[in-house]
Protein backbone atom coordinates (compact mmCIF):
# COMPACT_ATOMS: atom_id res chain seq x y z
CA UNK A 1 -8.78 -25.50 6.08
CA UNK A 2 -7.14 -28.10 4.36
CA UNK A 3 -10.00 -29.12 2.44
CA UNK A 4 -10.52 -25.56 1.23
CA UNK A 5 -7.02 -25.01 -0.08
CA UNK A 6 -7.02 -28.56 -1.83
CA UNK A 7 -10.19 -27.39 -3.73
CA UNK A 8 -8.51 -24.33 -4.68
CA UNK A 9 -4.95 -26.09 -5.75
CA UNK A 10 -7.01 -28.35 -7.82
CA UNK A 11 -8.32 -25.37 -10.00
CA UNK A 12 -12.18 -26.25 -8.68
CA UNK A 13 -12.44 -23.30 -6.53
CA UNK A 14 -16.43 -23.21 -6.86
CA UNK A 15 -16.08 -26.25 -4.81
CA UNK A 16 -14.97 -24.11 -1.92
CA UNK A 17 -18.61 -22.93 -1.46
CA UNK A 18 -19.86 -26.65 -0.34
CA UNK A 19 -17.14 -26.76 2.06
CA UNK A 20 -17.51 -25.81 5.83
CA UNK A 21 -16.23 -22.66 7.09
CA UNK A 22 -13.27 -23.67 9.70
CA UNK A 23 -14.25 -21.99 13.19
CA UNK A 24 -10.71 -20.68 13.81
CA UNK A 25 -7.82 -19.78 11.42
CA UNK A 26 -4.16 -18.72 11.73
CA UNK A 27 -3.46 -14.63 11.53
CA UNK A 28 -0.72 -12.22 12.51
CA UNK A 29 -2.17 -10.14 15.37
CA UNK A 30 -1.00 -7.54 17.68
CA UNK A 31 -2.28 -7.72 21.38
CA UNK A 32 -3.51 -4.89 23.16
CA UNK A 33 -1.99 -5.61 26.56
CA UNK A 34 1.45 -5.22 25.01
CA UNK A 35 0.61 -1.78 23.50
CA UNK A 36 2.96 0.00 25.64
CA UNK A 37 6.04 -2.25 25.22
CA UNK A 38 8.17 0.08 23.28
CA UNK A 39 7.36 3.26 25.27
CA UNK A 40 10.53 5.47 25.61
CA UNK A 41 12.31 4.06 22.25
CA UNK A 42 13.02 5.90 19.31
CA UNK A 43 10.68 4.52 16.39
CA UNK A 44 13.85 3.21 14.49
CA UNK A 45 14.34 0.93 17.73
CA UNK A 46 11.06 -0.47 17.65
CA UNK A 47 11.02 -4.01 16.31
CA UNK A 48 7.93 -5.58 14.90
CA UNK A 49 9.68 -9.00 15.44
CA UNK A 50 8.71 -8.61 19.04
CA UNK A 51 4.94 -7.55 18.95
CA UNK A 52 3.56 -9.57 15.68
CA UNK A 53 2.60 -12.66 16.69
CA UNK A 54 0.88 -15.76 14.62
CA UNK A 55 -2.16 -16.71 16.34
CA UNK A 56 -4.95 -18.75 16.23
CA UNK A 57 -8.25 -16.86 16.41
CA UNK A 58 -12.08 -17.54 16.08
CA UNK A 59 -13.40 -16.99 12.53
CA UNK A 60 -15.75 -13.91 12.81
CA UNK A 61 -19.62 -13.86 11.99
CA UNK A 62 -20.25 -12.83 8.29
CA UNK A 63 -22.74 -9.68 8.34
CA UNK A 64 -24.65 -7.89 5.50
CA UNK A 65 -22.57 -6.71 2.24
CA UNK A 66 -19.61 -8.62 3.68
CA UNK A 67 -17.34 -11.34 1.92
CA UNK A 68 -15.14 -14.21 3.85
CA UNK A 69 -12.04 -14.70 1.53
CA UNK A 70 -9.58 -17.80 1.82
CA UNK A 71 -6.42 -15.59 1.65
CA UNK A 72 -3.78 -17.17 -0.57
CA UNK A 73 -1.23 -14.38 -0.33
CA UNK A 74 -1.06 -11.02 1.20
CA UNK A 75 1.68 -8.50 1.28
CA UNK A 76 3.58 -5.72 3.85
CA UNK A 77 2.65 -2.18 3.98
CA UNK A 78 3.96 0.61 6.27
CA UNK A 79 0.67 0.50 7.98
CA UNK A 80 1.47 -2.84 9.21
CA UNK A 81 4.79 -1.50 10.61
CA UNK A 82 3.02 1.44 12.52
CA UNK A 83 0.57 -1.08 13.82
CA UNK A 84 3.70 -3.37 14.79
CA UNK A 85 5.47 -0.37 16.59
CA UNK A 86 2.20 1.33 17.93
CA UNK A 87 2.71 4.69 16.31
CA UNK A 88 1.36 7.17 15.65
CA UNK A 89 -1.27 5.70 18.16
CA UNK A 90 -2.17 2.34 19.03
CA UNK A 91 -4.57 0.76 16.62
CA UNK A 92 -6.77 -0.52 19.33
CA UNK A 93 -7.96 3.04 19.64
CA UNK A 94 -9.13 2.91 16.16
CA UNK A 95 -10.99 -0.90 16.70
CA UNK A 96 -12.53 0.56 20.09
CA UNK A 97 -14.04 3.61 18.21
CA UNK A 98 -15.21 1.53 15.36
CA UNK A 99 -16.92 -0.91 17.62
CA UNK A 100 -18.88 1.64 19.02
CA UNK A 101 -20.68 2.35 15.86
CA UNK A 102 -22.99 -0.76 15.62
CA UNK A 103 -23.89 -4.24 16.91
CA UNK A 104 -22.22 -5.46 13.87
CA UNK A 105 -18.93 -3.44 13.88
CA UNK A 106 -18.57 -4.39 17.59
CA UNK A 107 -17.07 -7.38 16.32
CA UNK A 108 -14.02 -5.40 15.65
CA UNK A 109 -13.14 -4.19 19.09
CA UNK A 110 -10.88 -7.24 20.35
CA UNK A 111 -7.72 -7.71 22.55
CA UNK A 112 -6.33 -8.91 19.52
CA UNK A 113 -5.85 -7.29 16.15
CA UNK A 114 -5.63 -9.27 12.93
CA UNK A 115 -3.68 -6.84 10.55
CA UNK A 116 -2.86 -6.52 6.88
CA UNK A 117 -4.29 -4.52 4.19
CA UNK A 118 -3.64 -6.27 0.86
CA UNK A 119 -4.84 -9.84 -0.19
CA UNK A 120 -5.32 -12.29 -2.99
CA UNK A 121 -7.67 -15.04 -2.59
CA UNK A 122 -10.84 -17.14 -3.07
CA UNK A 123 -14.25 -16.29 -1.97
CA UNK A 124 -15.67 -18.49 0.68
CA UNK A 125 -18.87 -17.05 1.29
CA UNK A 126 -20.80 -13.77 0.94
CA UNK A 127 -23.16 -11.87 3.45
CA UNK A 128 -26.97 -11.01 2.67
CA UNK A 129 -27.01 -8.36 0.14
CA UNK A 130 -23.90 -9.32 -1.88
CA UNK A 131 -24.91 -10.28 -5.65
CA UNK A 132 -21.93 -9.33 -7.46
CA UNK A 133 -19.58 -11.84 -6.20
CA UNK A 134 -19.95 -15.58 -5.07
CA UNK A 135 -18.07 -18.42 -3.72
CA UNK A 136 -14.80 -19.47 -5.72
CA UNK A 137 -14.50 -16.35 -7.38
CA UNK A 138 -10.67 -15.27 -7.68
CA UNK A 139 -10.24 -11.56 -5.94
CA UNK A 140 -8.21 -9.16 -4.77
CA UNK A 141 -9.15 -6.80 -1.93
CA UNK A 142 -8.36 -3.04 -1.82
CA UNK A 143 -8.14 -1.72 1.49
CA UNK A 144 -11.06 1.27 1.72
CA UNK A 145 -14.07 0.28 4.23
CA UNK A 146 -16.98 2.58 4.30
CA UNK A 147 -20.26 2.75 5.79
CA UNK A 148 -21.64 5.24 3.32
CA UNK A 149 -24.52 6.20 5.70
CA UNK A 150 -23.63 9.82 5.66
CA UNK A 151 -23.91 12.01 2.32
CA UNK A 152 -20.49 12.93 2.77
CA UNK A 153 -19.21 9.97 0.77
CA UNK A 154 -21.33 9.64 -2.23
CA UNK A 155 -19.52 12.05 -4.41
CA UNK A 156 -16.24 10.38 -3.14
CA UNK A 157 -16.18 7.68 -1.00
CA UNK A 158 -12.81 8.46 0.55
CA UNK A 159 -14.76 11.57 2.29
CA UNK A 160 -17.39 9.06 4.00
CA UNK A 161 -17.60 10.19 7.46
CA UNK A 162 -16.74 6.88 8.42
CA UNK A 163 -14.04 5.76 5.98
CA UNK A 164 -11.40 3.67 7.31
CA UNK A 165 -8.34 1.27 6.15
CA UNK A 166 -9.28 -2.28 6.85
CA UNK A 167 -6.68 -4.25 8.44
CA UNK A 168 -5.09 -1.07 9.94
CA UNK A 169 -8.14 0.64 11.43
CA UNK A 170 -10.54 -2.44 11.23
CA UNK A 171 -9.86 -5.81 12.26
CA UNK A 172 -9.67 -9.57 10.35
CA UNK A 173 -6.87 -8.30 8.06
CA UNK A 174 -5.34 -9.78 5.23
CA UNK A 175 -1.95 -11.23 6.59
CA UNK A 176 -3.96 -14.20 7.69
CA UNK A 177 -5.59 -17.64 6.21
CA UNK A 178 -9.26 -15.97 6.19
CA UNK A 179 -10.11 -12.22 5.90
CA UNK A 180 -13.34 -10.23 6.53
CA UNK A 181 -13.94 -7.67 3.74
CA UNK A 182 -16.71 -5.35 2.46
CA UNK A 183 -17.81 -7.02 -0.80
CA UNK A 184 -17.15 -3.44 -2.47
CA UNK A 185 -13.51 -3.99 -1.49
CA UNK A 186 -13.68 -6.74 -4.09
CA UNK A 187 -11.67 -6.70 -7.12
CA UNK A 188 -10.96 -9.36 -9.98
CA UNK A 189 -7.64 -11.12 -9.50
CA UNK A 190 -5.28 -10.56 -12.45
CA UNK A 191 -5.28 -13.97 -14.17
CA UNK A 192 -1.66 -13.65 -15.31
CA UNK A 193 -0.31 -13.18 -11.96
CA UNK A 194 0.73 -15.49 -9.18
CA UNK A 195 -1.14 -15.38 -5.84
CA UNK A 196 1.72 -13.49 -4.11
CA UNK A 197 2.16 -11.13 -7.24
CA UNK A 198 -1.52 -10.33 -7.36
CA UNK A 199 -1.57 -9.33 -3.31
CA UNK A 200 1.05 -7.05 -3.39
CA UNK A 201 -0.12 -3.92 -5.59
CA UNK A 202 -3.64 -3.32 -3.94
CA UNK A 203 -3.05 -0.66 -1.49
CA UNK A 204 0.25 1.02 -3.01
CA UNK A 205 -1.05 0.87 -6.44
CA UNK A 206 -4.45 2.11 -5.49
CA UNK A 207 -2.79 5.04 -3.52
CA UNK A 208 -0.34 5.87 -6.20
CA UNK A 209 -3.03 6.42 -8.93
CA UNK A 210 -5.28 8.91 -6.87
CA UNK A 211 -2.31 10.71 -5.56
CA UNK A 212 -0.62 11.00 -9.10
CA UNK A 213 -3.07 10.20 -11.70
CA UNK A 214 -6.83 10.97 -10.73
CA UNK A 215 -8.58 14.20 -10.65
CA UNK A 216 -8.64 13.87 -7.04
CA UNK A 217 -4.86 13.95 -6.63
CA UNK A 218 -2.53 15.58 -8.86
CA UNK A 219 -4.22 15.27 -12.20
CA UNK A 220 -1.18 14.10 -14.13
CA UNK A 221 -0.92 15.22 -17.67
CA UNK A 222 1.50 14.13 -20.90
CA UNK A 223 4.90 16.23 -20.42
CA UNK A 224 4.71 16.67 -16.75
CA UNK A 225 8.00 16.52 -14.84
CA UNK A 226 7.11 14.47 -11.95
CA UNK A 227 9.72 14.27 -8.52
CA UNK A 228 9.27 10.82 -6.92
CA UNK A 229 10.77 10.25 -3.83
CA UNK A 230 11.76 6.77 -3.28
CA UNK A 231 11.14 5.76 -6.61
CA UNK A 232 11.85 2.25 -6.40
CA UNK A 233 9.70 1.64 -3.02
CA UNK A 234 6.10 0.33 -2.64
CA UNK A 235 4.66 3.49 -3.59
CA UNK A 236 7.52 5.12 -5.79
CA UNK A 237 7.68 1.95 -7.88
CA UNK A 238 4.14 2.32 -9.28
CA UNK A 239 4.13 6.20 -9.32
CA UNK A 240 7.25 5.88 -11.61
CA UNK A 241 5.45 3.46 -13.95
CA UNK A 242 2.22 5.85 -14.16
CA UNK A 243 4.72 8.87 -15.15
CA UNK A 244 6.03 6.60 -17.79
CA UNK A 245 2.78 5.09 -19.04
CA UNK A 246 0.91 8.26 -19.14
CA UNK A 247 3.42 10.28 -21.07
CA UNK A 248 5.06 12.49 -17.91
CA UNK A 249 8.95 12.72 -17.17
CA UNK A 250 9.79 10.86 -13.57
CA UNK A 251 12.82 12.20 -12.12
CA UNK A 252 13.20 9.41 -9.81
CA UNK A 253 14.96 9.97 -6.19
CA UNK A 254 16.50 7.02 -4.57
CA UNK A 255 19.06 6.03 -2.02
CA UNK A 256 21.39 3.41 -3.80
CA UNK A 257 22.81 2.47 -6.94
CA UNK A 258 20.97 -0.74 -6.68
CA UNK A 259 17.67 1.05 -6.27
CA UNK A 260 18.76 3.73 -9.47
CA UNK A 261 19.34 0.51 -11.35
CA UNK A 262 15.70 -0.93 -10.71
CA UNK A 263 14.41 2.81 -11.65
CA UNK A 264 16.17 2.27 -15.03
CA UNK A 265 15.06 -1.34 -15.51
CA UNK A 266 11.36 0.33 -15.41
CA UNK A 267 12.39 2.88 -18.04
CA UNK A 268 12.91 5.82 -16.13
CA UNK A 269 16.21 7.99 -17.34
CA UNK A 270 16.45 11.04 -15.27
CA UNK A 271 17.42 9.34 -11.84
CA UNK A 272 18.93 11.20 -8.41
CA UNK A 273 20.97 9.02 -5.70
CA UNK A 274 20.51 11.32 -2.98
CA UNK A 275 22.96 9.26 -0.99
CA UNK A 276 25.63 9.41 -3.30
CA UNK A 277 25.18 13.15 -3.95
CA UNK A 278 25.03 13.90 -0.34
CA UNK A 279 21.84 15.62 0.49
CA UNK A 280 21.25 16.75 3.64
CA UNK A 281 17.98 18.78 4.27
CA UNK A 282 18.18 18.94 7.94
CA UNK A 283 21.14 20.38 9.70
CA UNK A 284 20.05 19.05 13.04
CA UNK A 285 16.70 17.82 14.41
CA UNK A 286 15.02 21.20 14.45
CA UNK A 287 16.85 23.20 11.67
CA UNK A 288 16.14 22.52 7.76
CA UNK A 289 19.14 23.60 5.13
CA UNK A 290 17.85 25.52 2.26
CA UNK A 291 21.10 25.53 0.54
CA UNK A 292 20.22 21.58 0.30
CA UNK A 293 16.87 22.85 -1.27
CA UNK A 294 18.54 24.94 -3.75
CA UNK A 295 21.04 22.21 -4.50
CA UNK A 296 18.28 19.68 -4.93
CA UNK A 297 16.47 22.26 -7.43
CA UNK A 298 19.65 22.69 -9.31
CA UNK A 299 20.20 18.97 -9.93
CA UNK A 300 16.48 18.70 -11.08
CA UNK A 301 16.98 21.26 -13.81
CA UNK A 302 19.97 20.13 -14.69
CA UNK A 303 18.44 16.76 -15.59
CA UNK A 304 15.56 18.19 -17.21
CA UNK A 305 17.06 20.66 -19.37
CA UNK A 306 15.74 23.79 -17.11
CA UNK A 307 12.36 22.37 -16.04
CA UNK A 308 11.07 22.25 -12.07
CA UNK A 309 8.70 19.51 -11.26
CA UNK A 310 5.12 20.31 -12.29
CA UNK A 311 4.10 17.54 -9.49
CA UNK A 312 6.13 16.55 -6.23
CA UNK A 313 4.88 12.94 -5.35
CA UNK A 314 5.41 13.27 -1.85
CA UNK A 315 5.59 10.47 1.23
CA UNK A 316 8.61 10.52 3.02
CA UNK A 317 7.04 13.61 4.76
CA UNK A 318 9.49 15.61 7.53
CA UNK A 319 12.74 14.84 6.43
CA UNK A 320 11.99 15.84 2.57
CA UNK A 321 8.77 18.10 2.83
CA UNK A 322 10.25 21.35 2.87
CA UNK A 323 12.71 20.51 -0.22
CA UNK A 324 9.32 19.35 -2.13
CA UNK A 325 7.75 22.50 -1.53
CA UNK A 326 10.76 24.51 -2.68
CA UNK A 327 11.50 22.55 -5.61
CA UNK A 328 8.09 22.33 -7.08
CA UNK A 329 7.50 24.91 -10.29
CA UNK A 330 5.49 28.25 -9.90
CA UNK A 331 1.98 27.08 -9.88
CA UNK A 332 3.00 22.97 -9.11
CA UNK A 333 1.65 20.87 -7.04
CA UNK A 334 3.03 18.81 -3.85
CA UNK A 335 0.49 16.07 -3.62
CA UNK A 336 1.08 14.13 0.04
CA UNK A 337 0.34 11.15 1.90
CA UNK A 338 1.80 8.54 4.44
CA UNK A 339 4.76 10.81 6.12
CA UNK A 340 6.88 7.66 6.67
CA UNK A 341 9.74 9.85 8.10
CA UNK A 342 7.72 11.75 10.60
CA UNK A 343 4.08 13.52 10.43
CA UNK A 344 5.00 17.09 11.59
CA UNK A 345 6.18 18.69 8.38
CA UNK A 346 7.85 22.03 8.14
CA UNK A 347 8.21 24.23 4.96
CA UNK A 348 8.86 28.12 4.08
CA UNK A 349 5.31 28.99 3.37
CA UNK A 350 6.97 32.00 1.09
CA UNK A 351 7.70 29.25 -1.69
CA UNK A 352 4.25 28.09 -1.46
CA UNK A 353 1.97 31.36 -1.23
CA UNK A 354 4.22 33.74 -3.61
CA UNK A 355 4.67 30.77 -6.23
CA UNK A 356 1.28 29.84 -6.28
CA UNK A 357 1.90 26.24 -5.34
CA UNK A 358 -0.83 23.73 -4.12
CA UNK A 359 -0.52 21.04 -1.34
CA UNK A 360 -2.88 18.20 -1.81
CA UNK A 361 -3.37 15.72 0.70
CA UNK A 362 -4.20 12.23 -0.58
CA UNK A 363 -5.38 9.38 1.19
CA UNK A 364 -5.61 5.68 -0.21
CA UNK A 365 -8.46 5.74 -3.43
CA UNK A 366 -11.69 5.19 -3.42
CA UNK A 367 -13.46 1.97 -5.38
CA UNK A 368 -13.57 3.53 -8.57
CA UNK A 369 -9.76 4.66 -8.45
CA UNK A 370 -8.90 1.42 -7.04
CA UNK A 371 -10.48 -0.60 -9.63
CA UNK A 372 -9.05 1.35 -12.38
CA UNK A 373 -5.35 0.83 -10.82
CA UNK A 374 -6.44 -2.76 -10.77
CA UNK A 375 -7.52 -2.68 -14.23
CA UNK A 376 -4.24 -1.60 -15.45
CA UNK A 377 -2.56 -4.37 -13.58
CA UNK A 378 -4.81 -6.98 -15.24
CA UNK A 379 -4.09 -5.67 -18.81
CA UNK A 380 -0.16 -6.19 -18.29
CA UNK A 381 0.35 -2.04 -18.50
CA UNK A 382 1.44 -1.83 -14.90
CA UNK A 383 3.44 -4.48 -13.24
CA UNK A 384 3.67 -5.87 -9.61
CA UNK A 385 6.96 -4.89 -7.85
CA UNK A 386 7.11 -7.83 -5.68
CA UNK A 387 10.89 -8.29 -4.55
CA UNK A 388 10.81 -10.94 -1.98
CA UNK A 389 8.10 -13.28 -0.39
CA UNK A 390 8.11 -14.79 3.11
CA UNK A 391 5.86 -17.33 4.39
CA UNK A 392 3.27 -16.39 6.88
CA UNK A 393 5.29 -17.71 10.01
CA UNK A 394 8.06 -15.06 9.36
CA UNK A 395 5.73 -12.26 8.45
CA UNK A 396 7.46 -10.21 11.66
CA UNK A 397 11.12 -10.59 9.79
CA UNK A 398 9.23 -9.03 6.59
CA UNK A 399 7.81 -6.30 8.75
CA UNK A 400 11.07 -5.57 10.19
CA UNK A 401 12.79 -5.50 6.69
CA UNK A 402 10.46 -2.67 5.75
CA UNK A 403 10.53 -0.77 8.81
CA UNK A 404 14.30 -0.70 8.55
CA UNK A 405 14.14 -0.15 4.65
CA UNK A 406 16.02 -3.08 3.85
CA UNK A 407 13.61 -3.88 0.75
CA UNK A 408 12.89 -3.10 -2.82
CA UNK A 409 9.29 -2.48 -4.02
CA UNK A 410 6.80 -4.81 -2.10
CA UNK A 411 7.62 -7.39 0.28
CA UNK A 412 4.97 -10.11 0.13
CA UNK A 413 3.40 -12.80 2.45
CA UNK A 414 2.36 -16.51 1.48
CA UNK A 415 -0.61 -17.14 3.93
CA UNK A 416 -2.60 -20.64 2.66
CA UNK A 417 -0.42 -20.56 -0.51
CA UNK A 418 2.15 -23.32 -0.03
CA UNK A 419 4.61 -22.43 -2.27
CA UNK A 420 5.40 -19.07 -4.66
CA UNK A 421 4.23 -19.26 -7.96
CA UNK A 422 0.72 -20.56 -8.11
CA UNK A 423 -2.60 -19.38 -9.33
CA UNK A 424 -1.71 -18.24 -12.73
CA UNK A 425 -4.34 -18.63 -15.14
CA UNK A 426 -3.48 -16.63 -18.40
CA UNK A 427 -0.06 -17.93 -19.52
CA UNK A 428 -0.03 -15.80 -22.64
CA UNK A 429 -0.35 -12.66 -21.01
CA UNK A 430 2.09 -13.67 -18.15
CA UNK A 431 4.85 -15.10 -21.00
CA UNK A 432 4.66 -11.60 -22.62
CA UNK A 433 5.24 -9.52 -19.44
CA UNK A 434 7.34 -11.95 -17.31
CA UNK A 435 10.43 -9.96 -17.49
CA UNK A 436 8.86 -6.56 -16.23
CA UNK A 437 6.90 -8.86 -13.56
CA UNK A 438 10.15 -10.18 -12.29
CA UNK A 439 12.05 -6.70 -12.50
CA UNK A 440 12.02 -6.56 -8.75
CA UNK A 441 12.55 -10.13 -7.60
CA UNK A 442 15.53 -10.63 -5.36
CA UNK A 443 16.97 -7.27 -5.21
């Protein structure tokens, strides 16, 4: 592993193709025999620091259409939090189901799960049938894993019957020194970014692109009023940038003055600090408060000059969904994913049905959408939102921070990279956008 890292750090990345692939590597794992360790606890009481481990694991066999990547950096997503607290189900059920698909996928059904759905790194090896990528290529990876043996996925790969999220529903994820991906997950690393910056957008940037911009999502247009929950967070920070770049009008909902300031730094002007304004959408665990929905709607109209949201960018889920359906304009769209506050949504259907609103479910992105989202990063039109970076050894603390909402933007993890700041190839483009790249730093 040291020889591989030395070659990458020297800039002679092509040399990795001549080096032996290690037969083992370090990765962040959860263990199948600990899947019941948090039973009886509320979700917020479950601690990723107790369930995430740094283990030495065997290097998986490389199969057709696959690539083995030396991972320089990765990032924390909420799916790693879910994995670490074994909610809504243990991910070992995903691995077992995937393992039954074929002799090749049986590799994934193990008593440990190497997690992580982002990476930036260097291709070490490619399997049979891979022609677009070669050892030494500097890459990032999106997290869509598909088999494409069914006709269902050939119009939109997200509809493939064997669609999975790499590092969550498959093994050998990106929070590790090596990762196994399908070659059609790979995309060029943006040359002006460091390893940790390049690793951070993948999942959330692509998800926000499909959810908000793509015709498969809300199909945002110029002038649309877009209500964005958690607008300074992992998903919301990219949705805010897409809205601003696309000529829409973001209304950013945040939970603190510090998060409001980040939205202003991105260029947003219409901001609601839900904590300061005291919104309480639930009277108790079972009863919502429509008066609070109406109060939010009035506040939005006050900010926009009388307009209701054309689009509501929904991802908190249970806590906010009733309000989201209510505040969307007549004929408007609520586009939803993630449900980080709970999966069982409740809303008053009268406001949906009688006002001809639409709810669209959106899940990650297909390869084309992920490629377009990454292209915007590479051109300096959308910027990474890294606020803090941890070493691989402290990944469990990083996941805890995300679980407890102690972070802004994205939390990065150095895997093979020994320090932050490495991997920049285009200094001119970087210098042009340095302030925007660093907007979230140390927040």
